Amino acid sequence: MRIDINGHQMEITPALRDYVQDKFARVARHFDHPLDARVILSVDKLDKKAEVTLSTPGKTLHAESVAPDMYAAIDLLADKLDRLVVKQKEKMTDHHRGASSARSDSFG
């Protein structure tokens, strides 16, 4: 997974960069092919905001989270993105594969 990390109104430290890469490593496990993610970390007054745009085959996923701490915002973002990726992957699989053969057997 290729992750592009940008900061708005803040500096991206090596610790933050490593933390984001560790958290998004579990998202990369869902797909065999390489993914591109664009992460934006920003500060808005007292709130810390993390958002990601992930390019998957067939669809682009977007998630964002806001928390008082940047690490908490990244944790929430990773959880949301993981749920979105699992949901998208389930939509891509064909759940009705065995249904067509069952119908033909009942008529014949």
Protein backbone atom coordinates (compact mmCIF):
# COMPACT_ATOMS: atom_id res chain seq x y z
CA MET A 1 0.00 0.00 0.00
CA ARG A 2 1.33 3.40 -0.98
CA ILE A 3 0.38 6.06 1.56
CA ASP A 4 0.78 9.76 0.86
CA ILE A 5 0.59 11.72 4.14
CA ASN A 6 0.09 15.49 4.15
CA GLY A 7 -0.38 17.93 7.00
CA HIS A 8 -2.48 21.08 7.02
CA GLN A 9 -1.54 23.62 9.69
CA MET A 10 0.82 21.06 11.24
CA GLU A 11 4.09 19.25 10.67
CA ILE A 12 4.09 15.52 10.02
CA THR A 13 6.63 13.98 12.37
CA PRO A 14 8.29 10.61 11.71
CA ALA A 15 6.36 9.19 14.69
CA LEU A 16 3.02 10.25 13.16
CA ARG A 17 4.07 8.88 9.75
CA ASP A 18 5.00 5.49 11.27
CA TYR A 19 1.78 5.39 13.30
CA VAL A 20 -0.37 5.99 10.20
CA GLN A 21 1.50 3.34 8.22
CA ASP A 22 1.11 0.79 11.04
CA LYS A 23 -2.62 1.48 11.39
CA PHE A 24 -3.32 1.24 7.66
CA ALA A 25 -1.33 -1.98 7.27
CA ARG A 26 -4.42 -3.97 8.33
CA VAL A 27 -6.47 -2.32 5.56
CA ALA A 28 -3.93 -3.46 2.97
CA ARG A 29 -4.47 -7.09 4.03
CA HIS A 30 -7.93 -7.09 2.44
CA PHE A 31 -6.58 -6.66 -1.10
CA ASP A 32 -3.89 -8.53 -3.03
CA HIS A 33 -3.00 -5.70 -5.39
CA PRO A 34 -1.37 -2.39 -4.45
CA LEU A 35 -3.59 0.40 -3.15
CA ASP A 36 -3.07 4.16 -3.09
CA ALA A 37 -4.12 6.12 -0.02
CA ARG A 38 -3.98 9.87 0.51
CA VAL A 39 -4.07 10.85 4.19
CA ILE A 40 -4.54 14.45 5.32
CA LEU A 41 -3.94 15.34 8.95
CA SER A 42 -5.08 18.79 10.04
CA VAL A 43 -5.65 20.93 13.11
CA ASP A 44 -8.78 23.07 13.50
CA LYS A 45 -8.68 25.07 16.73
CA LEU A 46 -8.80 22.38 19.46
CA ASP A 47 -9.88 19.47 17.25
CA LYS A 48 -7.56 17.21 15.30
CA LYS A 49 -8.91 15.88 12.01
CA ALA A 50 -7.72 12.92 9.96
CA GLU A 51 -9.13 12.05 6.56
CA VAL A 52 -8.24 9.51 3.91
CA THR A 53 -9.09 8.87 0.27
CA LEU A 54 -8.43 5.27 -0.78
CA SER A 55 -8.43 4.17 -4.40
CA THR A 56 -9.76 0.61 -4.70
CA PRO A 57 -10.65 -1.27 -7.87
CA GLY A 58 -13.99 0.07 -9.04
CA LYS A 59 -14.50 2.69 -6.34
CA THR A 60 -12.81 5.46 -4.38
CA LEU A 61 -13.48 5.39 -0.63
CA HIS A 62 -13.34 8.44 1.63
CA ALA A 63 -13.46 8.59 5.43
CA GLU A 64 -12.73 11.23 8.05
CA SER A 65 -12.65 11.47 11.81
CA VAL A 66 -12.28 14.23 14.41
CA ALA A 67 -10.91 13.82 17.94
CA PRO A 68 -9.18 15.92 20.60
CA ASP A 69 -5.94 13.94 20.06
CA MET A 70 -4.33 13.22 16.66
CA TYR A 71 -3.52 9.60 17.55
CA ALA A 72 -7.16 9.02 18.57
CA ALA A 73 -8.32 10.57 15.29
CA ILE A 74 -6.02 8.22 13.35
CA ASP A 75 -7.35 5.23 15.32
CA LEU A 76 -10.96 6.18 14.54
CA LEU A 77 -10.06 6.74 10.89
CA ALA A 78 -8.40 3.33 10.59
CA ASP A 79 -11.49 1.64 12.10
CA LYS A 80 -13.86 3.48 9.75
CA LEU A 81 -11.72 2.71 6.72
CA ASP A 82 -11.46 -0.96 7.66
CA ARG A 83 -15.27 -1.21 7.86
CA LEU A 84 -15.66 0.60 4.52
CA VAL A 85 -13.15 -1.70 2.80
CA VAL A 86 -14.82 -4.85 4.14
CA LYS A 87 -18.24 -3.56 3.05
CA GLN A 88 -16.93 -2.70 -0.43
CA LYS A 89 -15.24 -6.08 -0.78
CA GLU A 90 -18.48 -7.87 0.15
CA LYS A 91 -20.33 -5.88 -2.51
CA MET A 92 -17.77 -6.92 -5.12
CA THR A 93 -18.20 -10.67 -4.44
CA ASP A 94 -21.06 -12.51 -6.11
CA HIS A 95 -23.33 -13.89 -3.40
CA HIS A 96 -25.72 -15.58 -5.84
CA ARG A 97 -23.31 -18.00 -7.44
CA GLY A 98 -25.07 -21.18 -6.28
CA ALA A 99 -28.63 -19.84 -6.73
CA SER A 100 -28.79 -20.33 -10.51
CA SER A 101 -27.85 -24.03 -10.37
CA ALA A 102 -30.38 -24.67 -7.58
CA ARG A 103 -33.22 -23.17 -9.65
CA SER A 104 -32.40 -25.23 -12.75
CA ASP A 105 -32.34 -28.45 -10.71
CA SER A 106 -35.80 -27.84 -9.23
CA PHE A 107 -37.38 -27.44 -12.70
CA GLY A 108 -35.61 -30.31 -14.38
